[in-house]
């Protein structure tokens, strides 16, 4: 789905004089907004203007302290980036907020966009940027005892850049104390006037990938009063790895973002670089990569259904699905290997651009 073009002047008029437009390679209308004005700017976009931007699509940050050339952009140590989407316009808008200082802050937008709750917690966790007025600003991906903010450029990217790990008794005691469950830290109550609540851990577990999610249940007898998810058990630091790689040596890491999706994340990563560099992939190449992405989508679904059926007690489906998965991998091998396998792939993808999925 391609976003429809929008006049930047129209959006700037709707945002008011507090915004400064920026020309971008991807064509998404982009505006610099001050920290004092971001709350009102998001409110205008989401609730006031015609054809509103109802969806907060993303919220992240960038450590700009090592950047040498600002290209005329506002001076900043950190930049917070908001992406919003309008279903009515079929279009995106991007807001960028420059921040300075070692402990930067700006207003929370959770009261406007409830989905910003986790996003803002992640930005604080990774970058140390404080969102004033956030109802529950604490770590979401890293352990509560973690020191520092990993996506700051001054945080080590390799274990060899850090001191040798040690666990003296006092540190062990502190870590154990940090694991103690306190309902107030989760925004939960210990009870009402006439009853005390029980708290039950569901997990950390997940039927699909076994070990990545924990849900804390607040119980009044057998009634579930509240359920708070706890994520971060499977965070592998892909963004931090990217800081130490060149753009092309990072490509294999994108396979591992979803290890069942394979080339689908290569696709997204390289499409961004092609857009930045003004590269147009030939139609045959576009067709091959779409076919490969579809194969991996099918492969992913086969693994999901087979393992899910096995988890609930069915034995046969996993054998059928994995058998079909191997057939799909045969087509993948034909595309990625050299020699005789490439001949088989040419049977799949003819020179004239038409597709035939038969393979010998």
Protein backbone atom coordinates (compact mmCIF):
# COMPACT_ATOMS: atom_id res chain seq x y z
CA UNK A 1 0.00 0.00 0.00
CA UNK A 2 1.65 3.23 -1.17
CA UNK A 3 0.99 6.39 0.79
CA UNK A 4 -0.82 9.10 -1.13
CA UNK A 5 1.11 12.37 -1.55
CA UNK A 6 0.25 15.17 0.83
CA UNK A 7 1.10 18.84 0.54
CA UNK A 8 3.58 19.68 3.31
CA UNK A 9 2.28 23.23 3.31
CA UNK A 10 -1.22 22.01 4.14
CA UNK A 11 -0.02 19.99 7.12
CA UNK A 12 2.25 22.77 8.34
CA UNK A 13 -0.68 25.16 8.26
CA UNK A 14 -2.70 22.69 10.30
CA UNK A 15 0.15 22.24 12.79
CA UNK A 16 0.73 25.99 13.09
CA UNK A 17 3.89 28.06 13.18
CA UNK A 18 5.61 25.82 15.76
CA UNK A 19 6.77 23.32 13.11
CA UNK A 20 9.59 23.43 10.54
CA UNK A 21 9.36 21.15 7.46
CA UNK A 22 12.20 18.88 6.36
CA UNK A 23 12.66 17.40 2.87
CA UNK A 24 13.10 13.61 3.05
CA UNK A 25 14.10 10.87 0.62
CA UNK A 26 11.07 8.72 1.45
CA UNK A 27 8.61 11.53 0.72
CA UNK A 28 6.88 11.30 4.11
CA UNK A 29 5.90 14.81 5.30
CA UNK A 30 8.35 15.52 8.13
CA UNK A 31 8.35 18.40 10.61
CA UNK A 32 10.66 19.51 13.41
CA UNK A 33 8.68 20.42 16.53
CA UNK A 34 9.98 21.73 19.85
CA UNK A 35 9.59 19.70 23.02
CA UNK A 36 7.14 22.26 24.39
CA UNK A 37 4.94 21.99 21.29
CA UNK A 38 4.95 18.21 20.65
CA UNK A 39 1.96 17.42 22.89
CA UNK A 40 -0.27 19.95 21.13
CA UNK A 41 1.05 18.93 17.68
CA UNK A 42 0.12 15.29 18.24
CA UNK A 43 -3.27 16.32 19.63
CA UNK A 44 -3.95 18.43 16.53
CA UNK A 45 -3.01 15.58 14.19
CA UNK A 46 -4.99 12.94 16.05
CA UNK A 47 -8.12 14.79 17.15
CA UNK A 48 -8.56 18.15 15.40
CA UNK A 49 -7.54 18.35 11.74
CA UNK A 50 -9.67 16.93 8.90
CA UNK A 51 -8.83 13.32 7.93
CA UNK A 52 -7.05 12.79 11.22
CA UNK A 53 -3.90 10.75 11.86
CA UNK A 54 -5.52 8.38 14.35
CA UNK A 55 -2.79 5.75 14.61
CA UNK A 56 0.52 6.19 16.44
CA UNK A 57 2.58 3.96 14.15
CA UNK A 58 5.97 4.30 15.86
CA UNK A 59 7.89 6.30 18.45
CA UNK A 60 11.66 6.01 18.76
CA UNK A 61 14.82 8.07 19.33
CA UNK A 62 18.31 8.69 17.91
CA UNK A 63 21.53 9.49 19.77
CA UNK A 64 22.89 12.42 17.71
CA UNK A 65 25.89 13.35 19.88
CA UNK A 66 28.48 11.88 17.49
CA UNK A 67 26.89 13.43 14.40
CA UNK A 68 29.25 15.91 12.71
CA UNK A 69 27.01 17.55 10.12
CA UNK A 70 23.48 18.59 11.06
CA UNK A 71 22.65 19.66 7.48
CA UNK A 72 20.83 22.70 8.78
CA UNK A 73 18.73 20.71 11.27
CA UNK A 74 18.21 22.02 14.81
CA UNK A 75 21.08 21.41 17.21
CA UNK A 76 20.37 18.33 19.33
CA UNK A 77 22.04 15.65 21.43
CA UNK A 78 19.02 13.36 20.93
CA UNK A 79 16.10 13.33 18.50
CA UNK A 80 12.75 11.74 19.34
CA UNK A 81 10.84 10.62 16.23
CA UNK A 82 7.06 10.11 16.00
CA UNK A 83 5.29 8.41 13.08
CA UNK A 84 1.50 8.73 12.77
CA UNK A 85 -0.80 7.21 10.15
CA UNK A 86 -4.11 8.42 8.71
CA UNK A 87 -6.50 5.77 7.42
CA UNK A 88 -8.59 8.43 5.68
CA UNK A 89 -5.60 9.86 3.76
CA UNK A 90 -3.75 6.54 3.44
CA UNK A 91 -0.63 8.48 4.44
CA UNK A 92 1.99 8.97 7.14
CA UNK A 93 3.40 12.01 8.89
CA UNK A 94 6.65 12.23 10.85
CA UNK A 95 7.42 14.58 13.76
CA UNK A 96 10.97 15.07 15.09
CA UNK A 97 11.81 16.66 18.43
CA UNK A 98 15.38 17.90 19.13
CA UNK A 99 16.58 17.48 22.72
CA UNK A 100 19.78 18.55 24.47
CA UNK A 101 21.56 17.58 27.67
CA UNK A 102 22.50 14.30 29.33
CA UNK A 103 19.03 13.87 30.85
CA UNK A 104 16.64 15.23 28.21
CA UNK A 105 12.89 15.33 28.75
CA UNK A 106 9.65 16.13 26.95
CA UNK A 107 5.91 15.73 27.68
CA UNK A 108 4.31 12.30 27.48
CA UNK A 109 1.55 11.79 24.90
CA UNK A 110 0.00 8.76 26.65
CA UNK A 111 -3.11 10.82 27.46
CA UNK A 112 -3.59 11.37 23.69
CA UNK A 113 -2.31 8.04 22.33
CA UNK A 114 -2.54 5.21 24.90
CA UNK A 115 -0.30 3.09 22.63
CA UNK A 116 2.56 5.47 23.44
CA UNK A 117 2.82 3.89 26.90
CA UNK A 118 5.17 1.06 25.90
CA UNK A 119 6.93 3.14 23.23
CA UNK A 120 7.87 5.85 25.72
CA UNK A 121 9.01 3.27 28.26
CA UNK A 122 11.25 1.67 25.62
CA UNK A 123 12.77 5.04 24.65
CA UNK A 124 13.45 5.82 28.31
CA UNK A 125 14.91 2.35 28.84
CA UNK A 126 17.17 2.48 25.79
CA UNK A 127 18.10 6.20 25.66
CA UNK A 128 17.37 7.68 29.11
CA UNK A 129 14.91 10.24 27.71
CA UNK A 130 12.31 11.18 30.33
CA UNK A 131 8.64 11.56 29.35
CA UNK A 132 7.08 13.89 31.88
CA UNK A 133 3.64 12.76 33.00
CA UNK A 134 4.03 9.12 31.96
CA UNK A 135 1.97 6.97 34.36
CA UNK A 136 4.49 4.15 34.75
CA UNK A 137 7.93 5.12 33.42
CA UNK A 138 10.27 2.23 34.21
CA UNK A 139 12.30 -0.34 32.31
CA UNK A 140 10.44 -2.54 29.86
CA UNK A 141 13.18 -4.45 27.97
CA UNK A 142 16.20 -4.45 30.29
CA UNK A 143 16.31 -5.86 33.86
CA UNK A 144 15.32 -3.36 36.54
CA UNK A 145 18.84 -3.54 37.99
CA UNK A 146 20.50 -2.64 34.66
CA UNK A 147 22.87 0.32 34.78
CA UNK A 148 22.86 2.71 31.83
CA UNK A 149 20.88 2.99 28.61
CA UNK A 150 22.04 0.54 25.92
CA UNK A 151 21.25 2.51 22.74
CA UNK A 152 23.27 5.51 23.79
CA UNK A 153 26.41 5.61 21.68
CA UNK A 154 28.63 5.66 24.77
CA UNK A 155 27.24 2.33 25.99
CA UNK A 156 29.51 -0.63 25.06
CA UNK A 157 28.45 -2.63 22.01
CA UNK A 158 30.51 -5.72 22.84
CA UNK A 159 30.99 -7.71 26.04
CA UNK A 160 34.76 -7.41 25.56
CA UNK A 161 34.41 -3.65 26.04
CA UNK A 162 33.02 -4.19 29.53
CA UNK A 163 34.69 -5.38 32.69
CA UNK A 164 34.79 -9.03 33.66
CA UNK A 165 31.48 -10.18 35.14
CA UNK A 166 31.56 -10.75 38.86
CA UNK A 167 28.82 -11.74 41.28
CA UNK A 168 29.87 -10.99 44.87
CA UNK A 169 27.40 -11.71 47.65
CA UNK A 170 26.24 -8.10 47.95
CA UNK A 171 25.48 -7.93 44.21
CA UNK A 172 23.65 -11.26 44.35
CA UNK A 173 21.53 -9.99 47.24
CA UNK A 174 20.76 -6.76 45.33
CA UNK A 175 19.76 -8.70 42.21
CA UNK A 176 17.50 -10.99 44.22
CA UNK A 177 15.89 -7.99 45.90
CA UNK A 178 15.30 -6.37 42.50
CA UNK A 179 13.33 -9.48 41.49
CA UNK A 180 10.98 -9.17 44.47
CA UNK A 181 7.45 -8.58 43.24
CA UNK A 182 5.89 -5.33 44.42
CA UNK A 183 2.39 -4.74 42.99
CA UNK A 184 2.74 -0.95 43.20
CA UNK A 185 5.65 -1.02 40.73
CA UNK A 186 3.31 -2.63 38.18
CA UNK A 187 0.49 -0.16 38.72
CA UNK A 188 -1.51 -2.75 40.69
CA UNK A 189 -3.26 -2.64 44.06
CA UNK A 190 -2.64 -5.05 46.93
CA UNK A 191 -6.34 -5.24 47.66
CA UNK A 192 -9.61 -3.49 48.47
CA UNK A 193 -11.10 -2.65 51.85
CA UNK A 194 -12.75 -6.05 52.22
CA UNK A 195 -10.21 -8.33 50.50
CA UNK A 196 -6.57 -8.90 49.65
CA UNK A 197 -5.65 -9.70 46.07
CA UNK A 198 -3.63 -12.72 45.00
CA UNK A 199 -0.92 -12.41 42.33
CA UNK A 200 -0.10 -15.19 39.90
CA UNK A 201 2.64 -15.44 37.28
CA UNK A 202 1.59 -16.90 33.94
CA UNK A 203 4.96 -17.56 32.35
CA UNK A 204 7.51 -16.55 31.36
CA UNK A 205 6.27 -18.69 28.50
CA UNK A 206 4.57 -18.62 25.13
CA UNK A 207 3.10 -21.62 23.30
CA UNK A 208 4.75 -20.58 20.03
CA UNK A 209 8.30 -19.73 21.04
CA UNK A 210 8.56 -21.08 24.57
CA UNK A 211 9.91 -18.54 26.98
CA UNK A 212 9.38 -14.94 25.88
CA UNK A 213 6.32 -13.61 27.72
CA UNK A 214 5.18 -13.26 31.31
CA UNK A 215 1.73 -12.11 32.41
CA UNK A 216 1.14 -11.02 36.00
CA UNK A 217 -2.44 -11.71 37.05
CA UNK A 218 -4.16 -9.80 39.85
CA UNK A 219 -6.83 -12.08 41.32
CA UNK A 220 -9.79 -11.48 43.60
CA UNK A 221 -10.55 -15.09 44.38
CA UNK A 222 -11.11 -16.64 40.95
CA UNK A 223 -11.87 -13.32 39.28
CA UNK A 224 -9.06 -11.72 37.23
CA UNK A 225 -9.00 -8.06 38.24
CA UNK A 226 -5.98 -7.05 36.16
CA UNK A 227 -3.43 -8.63 33.83
CA UNK A 228 -0.11 -6.92 33.12
CA UNK A 229 2.21 -8.32 30.40
CA UNK A 230 5.96 -8.31 30.99
CA UNK A 231 8.06 -8.39 27.80
CA UNK A 232 11.80 -8.19 27.16
CA UNK A 233 12.80 -11.78 27.87
CA UNK A 234 13.86 -12.32 24.26
CA UNK A 235 15.40 -8.93 23.41
CA UNK A 236 18.62 -9.65 21.48
CA UNK A 237 20.02 -6.15 20.95
CA UNK A 238 19.77 -6.10 17.15
CA UNK A 239 19.92 -2.29 17.04
CA UNK A 240 23.08 -2.24 19.17
CA UNK A 241 24.73 -4.80 16.89
CA UNK A 242 24.00 -2.50 13.98
CA UNK A 243 26.20 0.21 15.53
CA UNK A 244 29.33 -1.89 15.06
CA UNK A 245 28.56 -3.21 11.55
CA UNK A 246 28.75 -1.64 8.11
CA UNK A 247 25.44 -1.42 6.27
CA UNK A 248 26.16 -4.52 4.13
CA UNK A 249 27.63 -6.73 6.88
CA UNK A 250 24.46 -6.16 8.91
CA UNK A 251 22.23 -7.83 6.28
CA UNK A 252 22.55 -11.37 7.81
CA UNK A 253 21.46 -10.02 11.19
CA UNK A 254 18.10 -9.05 9.73
CA UNK A 255 17.37 -12.74 9.04
CA UNK A 256 17.42 -13.31 12.80
CA UNK A 257 14.85 -10.63 13.64
CA UNK A 258 12.30 -13.30 12.76
CA UNK A 259 14.24 -16.51 12.30
CA UNK A 260 11.26 -18.12 10.55
CA UNK A 261 10.80 -15.14 8.20
CA UNK A 262 14.21 -15.27 6.53
CA UNK A 263 14.39 -12.87 3.61
CA UNK A 264 11.30 -10.92 4.65
CA UNK A 265 13.39 -8.75 6.98
CA UNK A 266 16.23 -8.54 4.43
CA UNK A 267 13.54 -7.18 2.09
CA UNK A 268 12.47 -4.38 4.45
CA UNK A 269 16.04 -3.44 5.44
CA UNK A 270 17.38 -3.27 1.87
CA UNK A 271 14.31 -1.46 0.54
CA UNK A 272 15.15 1.38 2.95
CA UNK A 273 18.73 1.56 1.68
CA UNK A 274 17.60 1.47 -1.94
CA UNK A 275 15.28 4.37 -1.27
CA UNK A 276 18.05 6.35 0.45
CA UNK A 277 20.47 5.68 -2.40
CA UNK A 278 17.94 6.19 -5.20
CA UNK A 279 18.38 2.61 -6.48
CA UNK A 280 15.62 1.03 -8.57
CA UNK A 281 15.59 -2.78 -8.59
CA UNK A 282 14.82 -4.27 -12.05
CA UNK A 283 11.37 -5.88 -12.44
CA UNK A 284 12.82 -9.40 -12.53
CA UNK A 285 14.64 -8.76 -9.25
CA UNK A 286 11.48 -7.33 -7.69
CA UNK A 287 9.57 -10.44 -8.74
CA UNK A 288 12.20 -12.80 -7.33
CA UNK A 289 12.31 -11.08 -3.96
CA UNK A 290 8.50 -11.02 -3.69
CA UNK A 291 8.38 -14.74 -4.55
CA UNK A 292 11.03 -15.43 -1.90
CA UNK A 293 9.18 -13.37 0.69
CA UNK A 294 5.97 -15.27 -0.07
CA UNK A 295 7.79 -18.59 0.28
CA UNK A 296 9.08 -17.61 3.71
CA UNK A 297 5.65 -16.36 4.73
CA UNK A 298 4.24 -19.79 3.86
CA UNK A 299 7.16 -21.51 5.63
CA UNK A 300 6.52 -19.46 8.77
CA UNK A 301 2.83 -20.37 8.79
CA UNK A 302 3.67 -24.06 8.32
CA UNK A 303 5.93 -24.02 11.38
CA UNK A 304 3.30 -22.15 13.40
CA UNK A 305 0.48 -24.52 12.58
CA UNK A 306 2.52 -27.71 12.93
CA UNK A 307 4.01 -26.81 16.32
CA UNK A 308 0.75 -25.34 17.62
CA UNK A 309 -1.10 -28.53 16.75
CA UNK A 310 1.62 -30.55 18.46
CA UNK A 311 1.42 -28.37 21.59
CA UNK A 312 -2.30 -29.13 21.93
CA UNK A 313 -1.81 -32.88 21.47
CA UNK A 314 -2.02 -33.56 17.73
CA UNK A 315 0.87 -35.53 16.27
CA UNK A 316 0.17 -35.84 12.53
CA UNK A 317 -0.01 -32.15 11.42
CA UNK A 318 3.61 -31.36 12.29
CA UNK A 319 4.83 -34.10 9.94
CA UNK A 320 2.66 -32.87 7.06
CA UNK A 321 3.59 -29.21 7.56
CA UNK A 322 7.32 -29.84 7.90
CA UNK A 323 7.28 -32.03 4.82
CA UNK A 324 5.77 -29.17 2.80
CA UNK A 325 8.26 -26.80 4.47
CA UNK A 326 11.14 -28.87 3.10
CA UNK A 327 9.69 -28.58 -0.41
CA UNK A 328 9.60 -24.80 -0.04
CA UNK A 329 13.18 -24.81 1.23
CA UNK A 330 14.15 -26.70 -1.90
CA UNK A 331 13.01 -23.70 -3.91
CA UNK A 332 14.92 -21.37 -1.57
CA UNK A 333 18.10 -23.41 -2.04
CA UNK A 334 17.64 -23.24 -5.80
CA UNK A 335 17.66 -19.46 -5.55
CA UNK A 336 20.56 -19.05 -3.12
CA UNK A 337 23.00 -21.74 -4.27
CA UNK A 338 25.24 -21.73 -7.33
CA UNK A 339 25.82 -24.40 -9.93
CA UNK A 340 23.13 -26.89 -10.91
CA UNK A 341 20.67 -25.46 -8.39
CA UNK A 342 20.66 -22.13 -10.22
CA UNK A 343 19.49 -23.93 -13.36
CA UNK A 344 16.50 -25.22 -11.42
CA UNK A 345 15.74 -21.68 -10.25
CA UNK A 346 15.80 -20.38 -13.80
CA UNK A 347 12.99 -22.83 -14.47
CA UNK A 348 11.07 -21.16 -11.65
CA UNK A 349 11.76 -17.60 -12.76
CA UNK A 350 11.86 -17.22 -16.52
CA UNK A 351 13.83 -14.49 -18.18
CA UNK A 352 10.70 -12.80 -19.49
CA UNK A 353 9.56 -12.12 -15.92
CA UNK A 354 6.74 -14.68 -15.77
CA UNK A 355 6.70 -17.06 -12.85
CA UNK A 356 6.35 -20.83 -12.83
CA UNK A 357 6.54 -22.58 -9.48
CA UNK A 358 7.38 -26.05 -10.89
CA UNK A 359 10.83 -27.21 -9.79
CA UNK A 360 12.73 -30.41 -10.52
